[in-house]
All heavy atoms as atom14 arrays in JSON, in Angstrom:
{
  "sequence": "GRTGNSYTMGWFRQAPGKEREFLAALSWSGDITTYLDSVKGRFTI",
  "atom14_mask": [
    [1, 1, 1, 1, 0, 0, 0, 0, 0, 0, 0, 0, 0, 0],
    [1, 1, 1, 1, 1, 1, 1, 1, 1, 1, 1, 0, 0, 0],
    [1, 1, 1, 1, 1, 1, 1, 0, 0, 0, 0, 0, 0, 0],
    [1, 1, 1, 1, 0, 0, 0, 0, 0, 0, 0, 0, 0, 0],
    [1, 1, 1, 1, 1, 1, 1, 1, 0, 0, 0, 0, 0, 0],
    [1, 1, 1, 1, 1, 1, 0, 0, 0, 0, 0, 0, 0, 0],
    [1, 1, 1, 1, 1, 1, 1, 1, 1, 1, 1, 1, 0, 0],
    [1, 1, 1, 1, 1, 1, 1, 0, 0, 0, 0, 0, 0, 0],
    [1, 1, 1, 1, 1, 1, 1, 1, 0, 0, 0, 0, 0, 0],
    [1, 1, 1, 1, 0, 0, 0, 0, 0, 0, 0, 0, 0, 0],
    [1, 1, 1, 1, 1, 1, 1, 1, 1, 1, 1, 1, 1, 1],
    [1, 1, 1, 1, 1, 1, 1, 1, 1, 1, 1, 0, 0, 0],
    [1, 1, 1, 1, 1, 1, 1, 1, 1, 1, 1, 0, 0, 0],
    [1, 1, 1, 1, 1, 1, 1, 1, 1, 0, 0, 0, 0, 0],
    [1, 1, 1, 1, 1, 0, 0, 0, 0, 0, 0, 0, 0, 0],
    [1, 1, 1, 1, 1, 1, 1, 0, 0, 0, 0, 0, 0, 0],
    [1, 1, 1, 1, 0, 0, 0, 0, 0, 0, 0, 0, 0, 0],
    [1, 1, 1, 1, 1, 1, 1, 1, 1, 0, 0, 0, 0, 0],
    [1, 1, 1, 1, 1, 1, 1, 1, 1, 0, 0, 0, 0, 0],
    [1, 1, 1, 1, 1, 1, 1, 1, 1, 1, 1, 0, 0, 0],
    [1, 1, 1, 1, 1, 1, 1, 1, 1, 0, 0, 0, 0, 0],
    [1, 1, 1, 1, 1, 1, 1, 1, 1, 1, 1, 0, 0, 0],
    [1, 1, 1, 1, 1, 1, 1, 1, 0, 0, 0, 0, 0, 0],
    [1, 1, 1, 1, 1, 0, 0, 0, 0, 0, 0, 0, 0, 0],
    [1, 1, 1, 1, 1, 0, 0, 0, 0, 0, 0, 0, 0, 0],
    [1, 1, 1, 1, 1, 1, 1, 1, 0, 0, 0, 0, 0, 0],
    [1, 1, 1, 1, 1, 1, 0, 0, 0, 0, 0, 0, 0, 0],
    [1, 1, 1, 1, 1, 1, 1, 1, 1, 1, 1, 1, 1, 1],
    [1, 1, 1, 1, 1, 1, 0, 0, 0, 0, 0, 0, 0, 0],
    [1, 1, 1, 1, 0, 0, 0, 0, 0, 0, 0, 0, 0, 0],
    [1, 1, 1, 1, 1, 1, 1, 1, 0, 0, 0, 0, 0, 0],
    [1, 1, 1, 1, 1, 1, 1, 1, 0, 0, 0, 0, 0, 0],
    [1, 1, 1, 1, 1, 1, 1, 0, 0, 0, 0, 0, 0, 0],
    [1, 1, 1, 1, 1, 1, 1, 0, 0, 0, 0, 0, 0, 0],
    [1, 1, 1, 1, 1, 1, 1, 1, 1, 1, 1, 1, 0, 0],
    [1, 1, 1, 1, 1, 1, 1, 1, 0, 0, 0, 0, 0, 0],
    [1, 1, 1, 1, 1, 1, 1, 1, 0, 0, 0, 0, 0, 0],
    [1, 1, 1, 1, 1, 1, 0, 0, 0, 0, 0, 0, 0, 0],
    [1, 1, 1, 1, 1, 1, 1, 0, 0, 0, 0, 0, 0, 0],
    [1, 1, 1, 1, 1, 1, 1, 1, 1, 0, 0, 0, 0, 0],
    [1, 1, 1, 1, 0, 0, 0, 0, 0, 0, 0, 0, 0, 0],
    [1, 1, 1, 1, 1, 1, 1, 1, 1, 1, 1, 0, 0, 0],
    [1, 1, 1, 1, 1, 1, 1, 1, 1, 1, 1, 0, 0, 0],
    [1, 1, 1, 1, 1, 1, 1, 0, 0, 0, 0, 0, 0, 0],
    [1, 1, 1, 1, 1, 1, 1, 1, 0, 0, 0, 0, 0, 0]
  ],
  "atom14_positions": [
    [[32.16, 72.48, -74.7], [32.98, 72.21, -73.56], [34.31, 73.1, -73.76], [34.37, 74.24, -74.23], [0.0, 0.0, 0.0], [0.0, 0.0, 0.0], [0.0, 0.0, 0.0], [0.0, 0.0, 0.0], [0.0, 0.0, 0.0], [0.0, 0.0, 0.0], [0.0, 0.0, 0.0], [0.0, 0.0, 0.0], [0.0, 0.0, 0.0], [0.0, 0.0, 0.0]],
    [[35.37, 72.49, -73.24], [36.59, 73.33, -73.12], [37.41, 73.14, -74.5], [38.46, 72.54, -74.52], [37.47, 72.84, -71.99], [36.68, 73.12, -70.65], [37.4, 72.59, -69.48], [38.66, 73.23, -69.15], [38.78, 74.26, -68.38], [37.63, 74.7, -67.76], [39.9, 74.84, -68.22], [0.0, 0.0, 0.0], [0.0, 0.0, 0.0], [0.0, 0.0, 0.0]],
    [[36.91, 73.69, -75.48], [37.48, 73.56, -76.91], [38.64, 74.35, -77.04], [39.55, 73.93, -77.8], [36.41, 73.91, -77.98], [35.97, 75.28, -77.69], [35.24, 73.0, -77.79], [0.0, 0.0, 0.0], [0.0, 0.0, 0.0], [0.0, 0.0, 0.0], [0.0, 0.0, 0.0], [0.0, 0.0, 0.0], [0.0, 0.0, 0.0], [0.0, 0.0, 0.0]],
    [[38.88, 75.52, -76.41], [39.97, 76.41, -76.67], [40.02, 76.86, -78.03], [38.95, 77.09, -78.73], [0.0, 0.0, 0.0], [0.0, 0.0, 0.0], [0.0, 0.0, 0.0], [0.0, 0.0, 0.0], [0.0, 0.0, 0.0], [0.0, 0.0, 0.0], [0.0, 0.0, 0.0], [0.0, 0.0, 0.0], [0.0, 0.0, 0.0], [0.0, 0.0, 0.0]],
    [[41.18, 76.89, -78.71], [41.29, 77.13, -80.17], [42.41, 76.5, -80.78], [43.1, 75.6, -80.05], [41.51, 78.72, -80.27], [42.52, 79.28, -79.53], [43.57, 78.64, -79.22], [42.39, 80.56, -79.28], [0.0, 0.0, 0.0], [0.0, 0.0, 0.0], [0.0, 0.0, 0.0], [0.0, 0.0, 0.0], [0.0, 0.0, 0.0], [0.0, 0.0, 0.0]],
    [[42.61, 76.7, -82.01], [43.85, 76.06, -82.79], [43.56, 74.59, -82.8], [44.58, 74.03, -83.0], [45.1, 76.48, -82.18], [45.33, 77.83, -82.18], [0.0, 0.0, 0.0], [0.0, 0.0, 0.0], [0.0, 0.0, 0.0], [0.0, 0.0, 0.0], [0.0, 0.0, 0.0], [0.0, 0.0, 0.0], [0.0, 0.0, 0.0], [0.0, 0.0, 0.0]],
    [[42.36, 74.14, -83.0], [42.3, 72.6, -83.02], [41.86, 72.25, -84.44], [41.11, 73.02, -85.08], [41.25, 72.17, -82.03], [39.87, 72.61, -82.07], [38.89, 72.03, -82.91], [39.51, 73.8, -81.3], [37.61, 72.59, -83.01], [38.29, 74.35, -81.43], [37.24, 73.7, -82.12], [36.08, 74.19, -82.3], [0.0, 0.0, 0.0], [0.0, 0.0, 0.0]],
    [[42.28, 71.03, -84.87], [41.98, 70.57, -86.08], [40.68, 69.63, -85.89], [40.55, 68.97, -85.12], [43.16, 69.72, -86.61], [44.3, 70.6, -86.95], [42.86, 68.95, -87.97], [0.0, 0.0, 0.0], [0.0, 0.0, 0.0], [0.0, 0.0, 0.0], [0.0, 0.0, 0.0], [0.0, 0.0, 0.0], [0.0, 0.0, 0.0], [0.0, 0.0, 0.0]],
    [[39.87, 69.82, -87.1], [38.73, 68.95, -87.1], [38.85, 67.96, -88.29], [39.22, 68.36, -89.37], [37.36, 69.74, -87.25], [37.2, 70.76, -86.14], [36.76, 69.78, -84.63], [35.34, 68.74, -84.92], [0.0, 0.0, 0.0], [0.0, 0.0, 0.0], [0.0, 0.0, 0.0], [0.0, 0.0, 0.0], [0.0, 0.0, 0.0], [0.0, 0.0, 0.0]],
    [[38.43, 66.73, -88.06], [38.37, 65.73, -89.02], [37.18, 64.97, -89.18], [36.29, 64.98, -88.28], [0.0, 0.0, 0.0], [0.0, 0.0, 0.0], [0.0, 0.0, 0.0], [0.0, 0.0, 0.0], [0.0, 0.0, 0.0], [0.0, 0.0, 0.0], [0.0, 0.0, 0.0], [0.0, 0.0, 0.0], [0.0, 0.0, 0.0], [0.0, 0.0, 0.0]],
    [[36.97, 64.32, -90.27], [35.8, 63.43, -90.45], [36.34, 62.03, -90.89], [37.3, 61.88, -91.7], [34.88, 63.95, -91.71], [34.04, 65.16, -91.27], [34.24, 66.41, -91.43], [32.79, 65.09, -90.64], [33.34, 67.18, -91.02], [32.34, 66.45, -90.37], [32.01, 63.92, -90.16], [31.14, 66.66, -89.85], [30.79, 64.23, -89.51], [30.43, 65.56, -89.38]],
    [[35.64, 61.07, -90.19], [36.09, 59.63, -90.53], [34.63, 58.94, -90.71], [33.66, 59.42, -90.47], [36.6, 58.97, -89.29], [38.13, 59.42, -89.12], [38.29, 60.69, -88.52], [39.31, 58.69, -89.53], [39.64, 61.23, -88.25], [40.5, 59.2, -89.22], [40.76, 60.45, -88.59], [0.0, 0.0, 0.0], [0.0, 0.0, 0.0], [0.0, 0.0, 0.0]],
    [[34.78, 57.7, -91.3], [33.57, 56.92, -91.51], [34.04, 55.48, -91.21], [35.18, 55.12, -91.4], [32.98, 57.06, -92.85], [33.81, 56.5, -94.04], [33.12, 56.78, -95.32], [33.82, 56.4, -96.43], [33.61, 56.71, -97.86], [32.56, 57.55, -97.98], [34.32, 56.24, -98.7], [0.0, 0.0, 0.0], [0.0, 0.0, 0.0], [0.0, 0.0, 0.0]],
    [[32.99, 54.7, -90.86], [33.16, 53.22, -90.68], [31.86, 52.4, -91.11], [30.93, 52.65, -90.76], [33.45, 52.95, -89.21], [33.83, 51.48, -88.86], [34.47, 51.34, -87.5], [34.15, 52.15, -86.54], [35.31, 50.36, -87.36], [0.0, 0.0, 0.0], [0.0, 0.0, 0.0], [0.0, 0.0, 0.0], [0.0, 0.0, 0.0], [0.0, 0.0, 0.0]],
    [[32.23, 51.64, -92.12], [31.1, 50.75, -92.66], [31.2, 49.37, -91.98], [32.23, 48.99, -91.29], [31.45, 50.43, -94.12], [0.0, 0.0, 0.0], [0.0, 0.0, 0.0], [0.0, 0.0, 0.0], [0.0, 0.0, 0.0], [0.0, 0.0, 0.0], [0.0, 0.0, 0.0], [0.0, 0.0, 0.0], [0.0, 0.0, 0.0], [0.0, 0.0, 0.0]],
    [[30.05, 48.62, -91.91], [30.1, 47.33, -91.21], [31.26, 46.51, -91.64], [31.41, 46.25, -92.84], [28.76, 46.99, -91.53], [27.78, 48.03, -91.85], [28.84, 49.01, -92.59], [0.0, 0.0, 0.0], [0.0, 0.0, 0.0], [0.0, 0.0, 0.0], [0.0, 0.0, 0.0], [0.0, 0.0, 0.0], [0.0, 0.0, 0.0], [0.0, 0.0, 0.0]],
    [[31.91, 45.92, -90.65], [33.04, 44.87, -91.03], [34.3, 45.56, -91.55], [35.15, 44.76, -91.9], [0.0, 0.0, 0.0], [0.0, 0.0, 0.0], [0.0, 0.0, 0.0], [0.0, 0.0, 0.0], [0.0, 0.0, 0.0], [0.0, 0.0, 0.0], [0.0, 0.0, 0.0], [0.0, 0.0, 0.0], [0.0, 0.0, 0.0], [0.0, 0.0, 0.0]],
    [[34.36, 46.91, -91.6], [35.51, 47.59, -92.09], [36.14, 48.46, -91.02], [35.49, 48.76, -90.03], [35.19, 48.42, -93.29], [34.61, 47.56, -94.45], [34.54, 48.44, -95.68], [34.12, 47.65, -96.96], [33.92, 48.47, -98.07], [0.0, 0.0, 0.0], [0.0, 0.0, 0.0], [0.0, 0.0, 0.0], [0.0, 0.0, 0.0], [0.0, 0.0, 0.0]],
    [[37.35, 48.83, -91.22], [38.18, 49.68, -90.45], [37.64, 51.06, -90.55], [37.14, 51.54, -91.57], [39.63, 49.6, -90.63], [40.24, 48.25, -90.25], [41.61, 48.19, -90.47], [42.2, 49.29, -90.93], [42.26, 47.17, -90.21], [0.0, 0.0, 0.0], [0.0, 0.0, 0.0], [0.0, 0.0, 0.0], [0.0, 0.0, 0.0], [0.0, 0.0, 0.0]],
    [[37.83, 52.02, -89.53], [37.55, 53.37, -89.6], [38.49, 53.95, -90.64], [39.66, 53.75, -90.59], [37.59, 54.02, -88.22], [37.18, 55.45, -88.17], [36.99, 55.9, -86.69], [35.81, 55.15, -86.12], [35.42, 55.43, -84.93], [35.88, 56.43, -84.18], [34.49, 54.55, -84.3], [0.0, 0.0, 0.0], [0.0, 0.0, 0.0], [0.0, 0.0, 0.0]],
    [[37.82, 54.81, -91.54], [38.57, 55.43, -92.67], [38.52, 56.87, -92.44], [37.52, 57.46, -92.33], [37.82, 54.96, -93.96], [38.44, 55.38, -95.17], [37.71, 54.84, -96.43], [36.44, 54.91, -96.32], [38.28, 54.49, -97.33], [0.0, 0.0, 0.0], [0.0, 0.0, 0.0], [0.0, 0.0, 0.0], [0.0, 0.0, 0.0], [0.0, 0.0, 0.0]],
    [[39.81, 57.43, -92.68], [39.84, 58.87, -92.75], [39.25, 59.43, -94.1], [39.31, 58.88, -95.06], [41.4, 59.31, -92.89], [41.67, 60.8, -92.99], [41.4, 61.75, -92.07], [41.84, 61.2, -94.35], [41.67, 62.99, -92.3], [42.11, 62.53, -94.56], [41.95, 63.43, -93.47], [0.0, 0.0, 0.0], [0.0, 0.0, 0.0], [0.0, 0.0, 0.0]],
    [[38.54, 60.5, -93.86], [37.93, 61.21, -95.07], [38.48, 62.6, -95.28], [38.71, 62.84, -96.44], [36.47, 61.35, -94.76], [35.51, 60.11, -94.74], [34.21, 60.38, -94.27], [35.66, 59.4, -96.06], [0.0, 0.0, 0.0], [0.0, 0.0, 0.0], [0.0, 0.0, 0.0], [0.0, 0.0, 0.0], [0.0, 0.0, 0.0], [0.0, 0.0, 0.0]],
    [[38.55, 63.45, -94.36], [38.93, 64.84, -94.45], [39.31, 65.49, -93.24], [38.76, 65.13, -92.09], [37.77, 65.59, -95.13], [0.0, 0.0, 0.0], [0.0, 0.0, 0.0], [0.0, 0.0, 0.0], [0.0, 0.0, 0.0], [0.0, 0.0, 0.0], [0.0, 0.0, 0.0], [0.0, 0.0, 0.0], [0.0, 0.0, 0.0], [0.0, 0.0, 0.0]],
    [[40.16, 66.44, -93.17], [40.5, 67.3, -92.05], [40.7, 68.65, -92.45], [41.17, 68.98, -93.65], [41.79, 66.61, -91.46], [0.0, 0.0, 0.0], [0.0, 0.0, 0.0], [0.0, 0.0, 0.0], [0.0, 0.0, 0.0], [0.0, 0.0, 0.0], [0.0, 0.0, 0.0], [0.0, 0.0, 0.0], [0.0, 0.0, 0.0], [0.0, 0.0, 0.0]],
    [[40.63, 69.55, -91.55], [40.75, 71.03, -91.65], [41.35, 71.66, -90.54], [40.9, 71.52, -89.38], [39.27, 71.58, -92.04], [39.33, 73.13, -92.41], [40.05, 73.38, -93.7], [37.83, 73.46, -92.49], [0.0, 0.0, 0.0], [0.0, 0.0, 0.0], [0.0, 0.0, 0.0], [0.0, 0.0, 0.0], [0.0, 0.0, 0.0], [0.0, 0.0, 0.0]],
    [[42.38, 72.46, -90.78], [43.06, 73.25, -89.63], [42.12, 74.29, -89.12], [41.12, 74.72, -89.79], [44.31, 73.72, -90.1], [44.2, 74.69, -91.13], [0.0, 0.0, 0.0], [0.0, 0.0, 0.0], [0.0, 0.0, 0.0], [0.0, 0.0, 0.0], [0.0, 0.0, 0.0], [0.0, 0.0, 0.0], [0.0, 0.0, 0.0], [0.0, 0.0, 0.0]],
    [[42.53, 74.78, -87.93], [41.81, 75.88, -87.32], [41.7, 77.13, -88.35], [40.59, 77.62, -88.45], [42.49, 76.33, -86.07], [41.89, 77.62, -85.48], [42.42, 78.91, -85.57], [40.83, 77.63, -84.56], [41.61, 79.81, -84.84], [40.65, 79.0, -84.19], [39.91, 76.74, -84.0], [39.49, 79.49, -83.45], [38.95, 77.17, -83.2], [38.74, 78.54, -82.93]],
    [[42.59, 77.53, -88.88], [42.57, 78.67, -89.81], [42.12, 78.47, -91.2], [41.76, 79.41, -91.83], [44.09, 79.26, -89.98], [44.85, 78.35, -90.6], [0.0, 0.0, 0.0], [0.0, 0.0, 0.0], [0.0, 0.0, 0.0], [0.0, 0.0, 0.0], [0.0, 0.0, 0.0], [0.0, 0.0, 0.0], [0.0, 0.0, 0.0], [0.0, 0.0, 0.0]],
    [[41.84, 77.2, -91.56], [41.33, 76.84, -92.72], [42.25, 76.69, -93.84], [41.96, 76.63, -95.08], [0.0, 0.0, 0.0], [0.0, 0.0, 0.0], [0.0, 0.0, 0.0], [0.0, 0.0, 0.0], [0.0, 0.0, 0.0], [0.0, 0.0, 0.0], [0.0, 0.0, 0.0], [0.0, 0.0, 0.0], [0.0, 0.0, 0.0], [0.0, 0.0, 0.0]],
    [[43.63, 77.0, -93.55], [44.54, 77.06, -94.67], [45.24, 75.62, -94.99], [45.87, 75.58, -96.01], [45.69, 78.06, -94.3], [46.36, 77.59, -93.05], [45.85, 76.88, -92.21], [47.54, 77.93, -92.78], [0.0, 0.0, 0.0], [0.0, 0.0, 0.0], [0.0, 0.0, 0.0], [0.0, 0.0, 0.0], [0.0, 0.0, 0.0], [0.0, 0.0, 0.0]],
    [[44.88, 74.7, -94.23], [45.44, 73.25, -94.6], [44.1, 72.42, -94.52], [43.42, 72.15, -93.7], [46.41, 72.85, -93.51], [47.58, 73.78, -93.42], [46.81, 71.44, -93.83], [48.62, 73.49, -92.22], [0.0, 0.0, 0.0], [0.0, 0.0, 0.0], [0.0, 0.0, 0.0], [0.0, 0.0, 0.0], [0.0, 0.0, 0.0], [0.0, 0.0, 0.0]],
    [[44.05, 71.67, -95.65], [42.86, 70.73, -96.01], [43.48, 69.48, -96.62], [44.35, 69.55, -97.4], [41.78, 71.46, -96.84], [41.56, 72.65, -96.28], [40.57, 70.48, -96.91], [0.0, 0.0, 0.0], [0.0, 0.0, 0.0], [0.0, 0.0, 0.0], [0.0, 0.0, 0.0], [0.0, 0.0, 0.0], [0.0, 0.0, 0.0], [0.0, 0.0, 0.0]],
    [[42.92, 68.39, -96.17], [43.36, 67.17, -96.74], [42.21, 66.18, -96.92], [41.21, 66.27, -96.06], [44.42, 66.46, -96.1], [44.93, 65.29, -96.78], [44.01, 65.93, -94.6], [0.0, 0.0, 0.0], [0.0, 0.0, 0.0], [0.0, 0.0, 0.0], [0.0, 0.0, 0.0], [0.0, 0.0, 0.0], [0.0, 0.0, 0.0], [0.0, 0.0, 0.0]],
    [[42.11, 65.42, -97.99], [41.01, 64.52, -98.29], [41.49, 63.17, -98.65], [42.59, 62.96, -99.39], [40.15, 65.13, -99.51], [39.45, 66.39, -99.3], [39.95, 67.59, -99.59], [38.12, 66.34, -98.68], [39.21, 68.75, -99.39], [37.5, 67.5, -98.48], [38.05, 68.73, -98.76], [37.23, 69.87, -98.62], [0.0, 0.0, 0.0], [0.0, 0.0, 0.0]],
    [[40.61, 62.18, -98.37], [40.76, 60.81, -99.01], [40.7, 60.93, -100.6], [39.64, 61.59, -101.06], [39.74, 59.87, -98.41], [39.79, 58.42, -98.93], [40.88, 57.64, -98.52], [38.44, 57.75, -98.46], [0.0, 0.0, 0.0], [0.0, 0.0, 0.0], [0.0, 0.0, 0.0], [0.0, 0.0, 0.0], [0.0, 0.0, 0.0], [0.0, 0.0, 0.0]],
    [[41.36, 60.36, -101.29], [41.39, 60.44, -102.75], [39.95, 60.16, -103.35], [39.53, 60.79, -104.3], [42.43, 59.57, -103.46], [43.78, 60.2, -103.36], [43.94, 61.32, -103.12], [44.76, 59.47, -103.58], [0.0, 0.0, 0.0], [0.0, 0.0, 0.0], [0.0, 0.0, 0.0], [0.0, 0.0, 0.0], [0.0, 0.0, 0.0], [0.0, 0.0, 0.0]],
    [[39.4, 59.16, -102.84], [38.1, 58.69, -103.26], [37.05, 59.68, -103.14], [35.92, 59.51, -103.88], [37.66, 57.35, -102.87], [37.5, 57.33, -101.45], [0.0, 0.0, 0.0], [0.0, 0.0, 0.0], [0.0, 0.0, 0.0], [0.0, 0.0, 0.0], [0.0, 0.0, 0.0], [0.0, 0.0, 0.0], [0.0, 0.0, 0.0], [0.0, 0.0, 0.0]],
    [[37.2, 60.61, -102.31], [36.04, 61.63, -102.09], [36.39, 63.06, -102.58], [35.51, 63.95, -102.55], [35.67, 61.66, -100.58], [35.12, 60.33, -100.14], [36.71, 62.29, -99.82], [0.0, 0.0, 0.0], [0.0, 0.0, 0.0], [0.0, 0.0, 0.0], [0.0, 0.0, 0.0], [0.0, 0.0, 0.0], [0.0, 0.0, 0.0], [0.0, 0.0, 0.0]],
    [[37.69, 63.18, -103.13], [37.97, 64.53, -103.65], [37.2, 64.95, -104.79], [36.79, 64.09, -105.61], [39.45, 64.5, -104.05], [40.53, 64.48, -102.99], [41.96, 64.42, -103.67], [42.88, 64.48, -102.56], [44.35, 64.35, -103.01], [0.0, 0.0, 0.0], [0.0, 0.0, 0.0], [0.0, 0.0, 0.0], [0.0, 0.0, 0.0], [0.0, 0.0, 0.0]],
    [[36.72, 66.11, -104.81], [35.76, 66.59, -105.75], [34.29, 66.3, -105.44], [33.46, 66.98, -106.16], [0.0, 0.0, 0.0], [0.0, 0.0, 0.0], [0.0, 0.0, 0.0], [0.0, 0.0, 0.0], [0.0, 0.0, 0.0], [0.0, 0.0, 0.0], [0.0, 0.0, 0.0], [0.0, 0.0, 0.0], [0.0, 0.0, 0.0], [0.0, 0.0, 0.0]],
    [[34.07, 65.43, -104.46], [32.71, 65.12, -104.11], [32.32, 65.64, -102.71], [31.3, 66.27, -102.38], [32.4, 63.72, -104.13], [32.48, 63.0, -105.51], [31.8, 61.57, -105.5], [32.71, 60.75, -104.56], [32.04, 60.05, -103.7], [30.75, 60.11, -103.43], [32.8, 59.25, -102.8], [0.0, 0.0, 0.0], [0.0, 0.0, 0.0], [0.0, 0.0, 0.0]],
    [[33.3, 65.57, -101.79], [33.12, 65.98, -100.39], [33.89, 67.22, -100.22], [35.01, 67.53, -100.64], [33.6, 64.94, -99.48], [32.78, 63.61, -99.47], [31.8, 63.37, -100.39], [32.93, 62.69, -98.46], [31.0, 62.27, -100.28], [32.3, 61.58, -98.41], [31.35, 61.36, -99.32], [0.0, 0.0, 0.0], [0.0, 0.0, 0.0], [0.0, 0.0, 0.0]],
    [[33.35, 68.15, -99.31], [34.04, 69.43, -99.01], [33.88, 69.66, -97.42], [32.85, 69.48, -96.89], [33.42, 70.64, -99.72], [33.55, 70.46, -101.05], [34.15, 71.93, -99.26], [0.0, 0.0, 0.0], [0.0, 0.0, 0.0], [0.0, 0.0, 0.0], [0.0, 0.0, 0.0], [0.0, 0.0, 0.0], [0.0, 0.0, 0.0], [0.0, 0.0, 0.0]],
    [[34.94, 69.8, -96.73], [34.97, 70.11, -95.34], [35.14, 71.65, -95.14], [35.88, 72.24, -95.99], [36.16, 69.4, -94.62], [36.11, 69.67, -93.19], [37.44, 69.67, -95.24], [36.84, 68.61, -92.27], [0.0, 0.0, 0.0], [0.0, 0.0, 0.0], [0.0, 0.0, 0.0], [0.0, 0.0, 0.0], [0.0, 0.0, 0.0], [0.0, 0.0, 0.0]]
  ]
}
């Protein structure tokens, strides 16, 4: 669709009965990355 550019992509998850939880995000250029502490070292965006 009309994605343009310079958008950030993120990943979230939601388990049954729980709130949606942030996992990881990555800027357009790839220079800014952030992770949930519990997945650092295991997950890579």
